[in-house]
């Protein structure tokens, strides 16, 4: 296991180099101690199924960001996102927000069926 201080120094060096060559890095998902974090995510083509009872639907979604021009962009980073709604599935290839739950670190879909 790498020393936490060395890991932070390496991560900062990578961010510095990427910034110098004008490349946006994938979002770095830090360990969450309290509160929650919100991410932009794009659902896969098949979407995310609705929850069934106490079992949420889930799918591997691609995290993204809003670029300097205000456009949504995907990264290469994927996370399993859970749909807790029993009333409907989430459409495929749809941008949603995913909140990272503090206790487990799992990603929960936040969406509105329009």
N, C-alpha and C. Protein backbone atom coordinates (compact mmCIF):
# COMPACT_ATOMS: atom_id res chain seq x y z
N UNK A 1 0.85 -1.19 0.00
CA UNK A 1 0.00 0.00 0.00
C UNK A 1 0.89 1.24 0.00
N UNK A 2 0.50 2.20 -0.80
CA UNK A 2 1.28 3.43 -0.92
C UNK A 2 0.97 4.38 0.24
N UNK A 3 1.97 5.09 0.68
CA UNK A 3 1.84 6.07 1.74
C UNK A 3 0.85 7.15 1.30
N UNK A 4 -0.13 7.53 2.16
CA UNK A 4 -1.14 8.52 1.76
C UNK A 4 -0.55 9.87 1.32
N UNK A 5 0.52 10.29 1.96
CA UNK A 5 1.14 11.57 1.57
C UNK A 5 1.77 11.45 0.19
N UNK A 6 2.44 10.32 -0.06
CA UNK A 6 3.04 10.11 -1.39
C UNK A 6 1.95 10.01 -2.45
N UNK A 7 0.84 9.34 -2.13
CA UNK A 7 -0.26 9.22 -3.09
C UNK A 7 -0.81 10.60 -3.45
N UNK A 8 -1.01 11.46 -2.47
CA UNK A 8 -1.52 12.81 -2.73
C UNK A 8 -0.53 13.60 -3.59
N UNK A 9 0.77 13.46 -3.31
CA UNK A 9 1.78 14.16 -4.10
C UNK A 9 1.78 13.68 -5.55
N UNK A 10 1.62 12.37 -5.75
CA UNK A 10 1.57 11.82 -7.11
C UNK A 10 0.33 12.32 -7.84
N UNK A 11 -0.83 12.27 -7.16
CA UNK A 11 -2.07 12.74 -7.78
C UNK A 11 -1.97 14.21 -8.15
N UNK A 12 -1.37 15.04 -7.27
CA UNK A 12 -1.23 16.46 -7.56
C UNK A 12 -0.30 16.67 -8.74
N UNK A 13 0.78 15.90 -8.82
CA UNK A 13 1.71 16.03 -9.94
C UNK A 13 1.02 15.68 -11.26
N UNK A 14 0.19 14.63 -11.25
CA UNK A 14 -0.55 14.26 -12.46
C UNK A 14 -1.52 15.37 -12.85
N UNK A 15 -2.25 15.92 -11.87
CA UNK A 15 -3.18 17.02 -12.17
C UNK A 15 -2.43 18.21 -12.75
N UNK A 16 -1.25 18.53 -12.19
CA UNK A 16 -0.46 19.67 -12.67
C UNK A 16 -0.03 19.46 -14.12
N UNK A 17 0.45 18.25 -14.44
CA UNK A 17 0.89 17.97 -15.81
C UNK A 17 -0.29 18.04 -16.77
N UNK A 18 -1.42 17.43 -16.41
CA UNK A 18 -2.60 17.46 -17.27
C UNK A 18 -3.08 18.90 -17.50
N UNK A 19 -3.02 19.72 -16.47
CA UNK A 19 -3.42 21.12 -16.62
C UNK A 19 -2.47 21.85 -17.57
N UNK A 20 -1.18 21.57 -17.46
CA UNK A 20 -0.19 22.22 -18.32
C UNK A 20 -0.39 21.86 -19.80
N UNK A 21 -0.82 20.64 -20.07
CA UNK A 21 -1.02 20.25 -21.47
C UNK A 21 -2.48 20.39 -21.88
N UNK A 22 -3.27 21.04 -21.01
CA UNK A 22 -4.67 21.38 -21.29
C UNK A 22 -5.54 20.14 -21.53
N UNK A 23 -5.36 19.13 -20.70
CA UNK A 23 -6.19 17.93 -20.75
C UNK A 23 -6.97 17.86 -19.46
N UNK A 24 -8.29 17.70 -19.58
CA UNK A 24 -9.11 17.58 -18.38
C UNK A 24 -9.03 16.14 -17.88
N UNK A 25 -8.60 15.95 -16.61
CA UNK A 25 -8.53 14.59 -16.07
C UNK A 25 -9.92 14.07 -15.73
N UNK A 26 -10.01 12.75 -15.58
CA UNK A 26 -11.25 12.18 -15.07
C UNK A 26 -11.48 12.73 -13.67
N UNK A 27 -12.75 12.80 -13.26
CA UNK A 27 -12.97 13.28 -11.89
C UNK A 27 -12.30 12.32 -10.92
N UNK A 28 -11.60 12.87 -9.97
CA UNK A 28 -10.95 12.05 -8.95
C UNK A 28 -11.93 11.91 -7.81
N UNK A 29 -12.33 10.69 -7.55
CA UNK A 29 -13.32 10.42 -6.53
C UNK A 29 -12.58 10.17 -5.23
N UNK A 30 -12.59 11.17 -4.35
CA UNK A 30 -11.92 11.05 -3.07
C UNK A 30 -12.80 10.31 -2.08
N UNK A 31 -12.17 9.75 -1.08
CA UNK A 31 -12.92 9.06 -0.03
C UNK A 31 -13.83 10.07 0.67
N UNK A 32 -15.07 9.70 0.85
CA UNK A 32 -16.05 10.57 1.48
C UNK A 32 -16.14 10.23 2.95
N UNK A 33 -15.93 11.23 3.80
CA UNK A 33 -16.03 10.99 5.23
C UNK A 33 -17.40 11.40 5.75
N UNK A 34 -17.90 12.54 5.30
CA UNK A 34 -19.21 13.02 5.71
C UNK A 34 -19.87 13.71 4.54
N UNK A 35 -21.16 13.91 4.64
CA UNK A 35 -21.88 14.61 3.59
C UNK A 35 -22.02 13.76 2.35
N UNK A 36 -22.36 14.41 1.23
CA UNK A 36 -22.45 13.67 0.00
C UNK A 36 -21.91 14.51 -1.13
N UNK A 37 -21.50 13.82 -2.18
CA UNK A 37 -20.98 14.49 -3.36
C UNK A 37 -21.92 14.22 -4.52
N UNK A 38 -21.96 15.14 -5.48
CA UNK A 38 -22.84 15.00 -6.63
C UNK A 38 -21.99 14.94 -7.88
N UNK A 39 -22.34 14.00 -8.77
CA UNK A 39 -21.63 13.83 -10.03
C UNK A 39 -22.62 13.88 -11.18
N UNK A 40 -22.14 14.24 -12.35
CA UNK A 40 -22.91 14.15 -13.59
C UNK A 40 -22.60 12.77 -14.17
N UNK A 41 -23.62 12.05 -14.61
CA UNK A 41 -23.40 10.71 -15.15
C UNK A 41 -24.32 10.47 -16.35
N UNK A 42 -23.85 9.66 -17.29
CA UNK A 42 -24.65 9.28 -18.45
C UNK A 42 -24.98 7.80 -18.34
N UNK A 43 -26.27 7.50 -18.44
CA UNK A 43 -26.71 6.11 -18.33
C UNK A 43 -26.30 5.32 -19.57
N UNK A 44 -26.16 4.00 -19.43
CA UNK A 44 -25.84 3.18 -20.60
C UNK A 44 -27.04 3.09 -21.53
N UNK A 45 -26.86 2.56 -22.70
CA UNK A 45 -27.92 2.46 -23.70
C UNK A 45 -29.18 1.79 -23.19
N UNK A 46 -29.04 0.80 -22.31
CA UNK A 46 -30.20 0.08 -21.77
C UNK A 46 -30.84 0.76 -20.58
N UNK A 47 -30.29 1.89 -20.15
CA UNK A 47 -30.86 2.62 -19.02
C UNK A 47 -30.61 1.92 -17.69
N UNK A 48 -31.38 2.33 -16.67
CA UNK A 48 -31.30 1.73 -15.34
C UNK A 48 -32.70 1.28 -14.96
N UNK A 49 -32.85 0.02 -14.64
CA UNK A 49 -34.15 -0.54 -14.29
C UNK A 49 -34.68 0.09 -13.00
N UNK A 50 -36.00 0.05 -12.84
CA UNK A 50 -36.64 0.53 -11.62
C UNK A 50 -36.31 -0.42 -10.47
N UNK A 51 -36.45 0.09 -9.26
CA UNK A 51 -36.26 -0.76 -8.08
C UNK A 51 -37.41 -1.76 -8.00
N UNK A 52 -37.12 -2.89 -7.37
CA UNK A 52 -38.15 -3.90 -7.13
C UNK A 52 -38.15 -4.18 -5.63
N UNK A 53 -39.16 -3.68 -4.95
CA UNK A 53 -39.19 -3.82 -3.49
C UNK A 53 -38.03 -3.08 -2.87
N UNK A 54 -37.23 -3.80 -2.08
CA UNK A 54 -36.07 -3.18 -1.42
C UNK A 54 -34.78 -3.32 -2.23
N UNK A 55 -34.89 -3.77 -3.47
CA UNK A 55 -33.71 -3.95 -4.32
C UNK A 55 -33.71 -2.91 -5.43
N UNK A 56 -32.78 -1.94 -5.36
CA UNK A 56 -32.75 -0.92 -6.42
C UNK A 56 -32.23 -1.49 -7.73
N UNK A 57 -32.69 -0.90 -8.83
CA UNK A 57 -32.10 -1.22 -10.12
C UNK A 57 -30.71 -0.62 -10.18
N UNK A 58 -29.87 -1.13 -11.05
CA UNK A 58 -28.52 -0.55 -11.14
C UNK A 58 -27.96 -0.77 -12.54
N UNK A 59 -27.00 0.06 -12.87
CA UNK A 59 -26.29 -0.07 -14.15
C UNK A 59 -24.97 0.69 -14.03
N UNK A 60 -24.02 0.33 -14.88
CA UNK A 60 -22.74 0.99 -14.93
C UNK A 60 -22.88 2.26 -15.78
N UNK A 61 -22.70 3.41 -15.15
CA UNK A 61 -22.85 4.70 -15.83
C UNK A 61 -21.49 5.37 -15.99
N UNK A 62 -21.36 6.18 -17.01
CA UNK A 62 -20.13 6.92 -17.28
C UNK A 62 -20.22 8.29 -16.62
N UNK A 63 -19.23 8.59 -15.76
CA UNK A 63 -19.22 9.91 -15.13
C UNK A 63 -18.82 10.96 -16.16
N UNK A 64 -19.24 12.17 -15.92
CA UNK A 64 -18.95 13.24 -16.86
C UNK A 64 -18.71 14.56 -16.15
N UNK A 65 -18.69 15.61 -16.93
CA UNK A 65 -18.48 16.96 -16.41
C UNK A 65 -18.99 17.95 -17.44
N UNK A 66 -19.12 19.19 -17.01
CA UNK A 66 -19.49 20.27 -17.92
C UNK A 66 -18.21 21.01 -18.29
N UNK A 67 -17.90 21.07 -19.58
CA UNK A 67 -16.65 21.68 -20.01
C UNK A 67 -16.72 23.20 -20.00
N UNK A 68 -15.63 23.83 -20.39
CA UNK A 68 -15.55 25.30 -20.35
C UNK A 68 -16.54 25.97 -21.29
N UNK A 69 -17.06 25.24 -22.29
CA UNK A 69 -18.05 25.79 -23.21
C UNK A 69 -19.48 25.55 -22.74
N UNK A 70 -19.62 24.87 -21.58
CA UNK A 70 -20.95 24.58 -21.06
C UNK A 70 -21.55 23.30 -21.61
N UNK A 71 -20.74 22.48 -22.29
CA UNK A 71 -21.23 21.23 -22.88
C UNK A 71 -20.92 20.05 -21.95
N UNK A 72 -21.82 19.08 -21.94
CA UNK A 72 -21.60 17.87 -21.16
C UNK A 72 -20.61 16.97 -21.89
N UNK A 73 -19.64 16.44 -21.15
CA UNK A 73 -18.62 15.57 -21.71
C UNK A 73 -18.51 14.32 -20.85
N UNK A 74 -18.29 13.17 -21.47
CA UNK A 74 -18.07 11.96 -20.70
C UNK A 74 -16.58 11.78 -20.42
N UNK A 75 -16.28 10.96 -19.43
CA UNK A 75 -14.91 10.59 -19.11
C UNK A 75 -14.80 9.09 -19.34
N UNK A 76 -13.69 8.50 -18.97
CA UNK A 76 -13.53 7.05 -19.07
C UNK A 76 -13.88 6.37 -17.74
N UNK A 77 -14.27 7.15 -16.75
CA UNK A 77 -14.55 6.63 -15.41
C UNK A 77 -16.01 6.19 -15.32
N UNK A 78 -16.24 4.94 -14.94
CA UNK A 78 -17.60 4.43 -14.78
C UNK A 78 -17.83 4.02 -13.33
N UNK A 79 -19.09 4.11 -12.92
CA UNK A 79 -19.50 3.70 -11.58
C UNK A 79 -20.87 3.05 -11.67
N UNK A 80 -21.14 2.11 -10.78
CA UNK A 80 -22.48 1.54 -10.68
C UNK A 80 -23.37 2.58 -10.01
N UNK A 81 -24.49 2.88 -10.66
CA UNK A 81 -25.45 3.86 -10.14
C UNK A 81 -26.75 3.12 -9.87
N UNK A 82 -27.34 3.38 -8.71
CA UNK A 82 -28.55 2.70 -8.26
C UNK A 82 -29.77 3.58 -8.44
N UNK A 83 -30.86 2.99 -8.96
CA UNK A 83 -32.14 3.68 -9.12
C UNK A 83 -33.06 3.18 -8.01
N UNK A 84 -33.39 4.04 -7.08
CA UNK A 84 -34.22 3.65 -5.94
C UNK A 84 -35.71 3.79 -6.22
N UNK A 85 -36.07 4.39 -7.34
CA UNK A 85 -37.48 4.61 -7.66
C UNK A 85 -38.14 3.31 -8.12
N UNK A 86 -39.29 2.99 -7.52
CA UNK A 86 -40.03 1.79 -7.94
C UNK A 86 -40.99 2.12 -9.07
N UNK A 87 -41.22 3.41 -9.31
CA UNK A 87 -42.22 3.82 -10.30
C UNK A 87 -41.73 3.90 -11.72
N UNK A 88 -40.45 3.72 -11.97
CA UNK A 88 -40.00 3.82 -13.35
C UNK A 88 -38.52 3.61 -13.51
N UNK A 89 -38.17 3.17 -14.70
CA UNK A 89 -36.75 3.00 -15.04
C UNK A 89 -36.22 4.33 -15.59
N UNK A 90 -34.92 4.43 -15.67
CA UNK A 90 -34.27 5.62 -16.22
C UNK A 90 -33.86 5.29 -17.65
N UNK A 91 -34.21 6.16 -18.56
CA UNK A 91 -33.94 5.94 -19.99
C UNK A 91 -32.45 5.77 -20.26
N UNK A 92 -32.15 5.11 -21.38
CA UNK A 92 -30.77 4.93 -21.80
C UNK A 92 -30.18 6.19 -22.40
N UNK A 93 -28.87 6.32 -22.30
CA UNK A 93 -28.11 7.45 -22.86
C UNK A 93 -28.67 8.79 -22.40
N UNK A 94 -29.02 8.85 -21.11
CA UNK A 94 -29.60 10.04 -20.50
C UNK A 94 -28.64 10.61 -19.47
N UNK A 95 -28.50 11.93 -19.45
CA UNK A 95 -27.68 12.57 -18.43
C UNK A 95 -28.50 12.69 -17.15
N UNK A 96 -27.91 12.28 -16.04
CA UNK A 96 -28.54 12.38 -14.72
C UNK A 96 -27.51 12.92 -13.73
N UNK A 97 -27.95 13.21 -12.54
CA UNK A 97 -26.99 13.45 -11.47
C UNK A 97 -26.98 12.22 -10.59
N UNK A 98 -25.82 11.92 -10.06
CA UNK A 98 -25.66 10.78 -9.16
C UNK A 98 -25.02 11.29 -7.89
N UNK A 99 -25.72 11.11 -6.79
CA UNK A 99 -25.18 11.54 -5.50
C UNK A 99 -24.46 10.37 -4.86
N UNK A 100 -23.29 10.64 -4.30
CA UNK A 100 -22.53 9.58 -3.64
C UNK A 100 -22.92 9.57 -2.16
N UNK A 101 -23.50 8.47 -1.74
CA UNK A 101 -23.99 8.32 -0.38
C UNK A 101 -22.80 8.20 0.57
N UNK A 102 -22.85 8.92 1.68
CA UNK A 102 -21.71 9.03 2.57
C UNK A 102 -21.36 7.73 3.27
N UNK A 103 -22.34 6.95 3.68
CA UNK A 103 -22.05 5.75 4.45
C UNK A 103 -21.38 4.66 3.65
N UNK A 104 -21.90 4.38 2.45
CA UNK A 104 -21.39 3.26 1.66
C UNK A 104 -20.53 3.71 0.49
N UNK A 105 -20.64 4.97 0.10
CA UNK A 105 -19.93 5.45 -1.09
C UNK A 105 -20.62 5.08 -2.39
N UNK A 106 -21.79 4.44 -2.31
CA UNK A 106 -22.55 4.04 -3.51
C UNK A 106 -23.15 5.28 -4.17
N UNK A 107 -23.39 5.16 -5.48
CA UNK A 107 -23.94 6.27 -6.26
C UNK A 107 -25.46 6.06 -6.42
N UNK A 108 -26.23 7.07 -6.07
CA UNK A 108 -27.70 7.02 -6.13
C UNK A 108 -28.15 7.97 -7.23
N UNK A 109 -28.96 7.46 -8.16
CA UNK A 109 -29.47 8.29 -9.26
C UNK A 109 -30.47 9.31 -8.75
N UNK A 110 -30.33 10.53 -9.22
CA UNK A 110 -31.29 11.60 -8.94
C UNK A 110 -31.79 12.05 -10.30
N UNK A 111 -33.08 11.82 -10.56
CA UNK A 111 -33.61 12.10 -11.89
C UNK A 111 -35.09 12.40 -11.77
N UNK A 112 -35.63 12.94 -12.84
CA UNK A 112 -37.06 13.24 -12.89
C UNK A 112 -37.59 12.69 -14.20
N UNK A 113 -38.64 11.90 -14.11
CA UNK A 113 -39.26 11.35 -15.30
C UNK A 113 -40.14 12.40 -15.93
N UNK A 114 -39.68 12.95 -17.05
CA UNK A 114 -40.42 14.05 -17.69
C UNK A 114 -41.26 13.56 -18.84
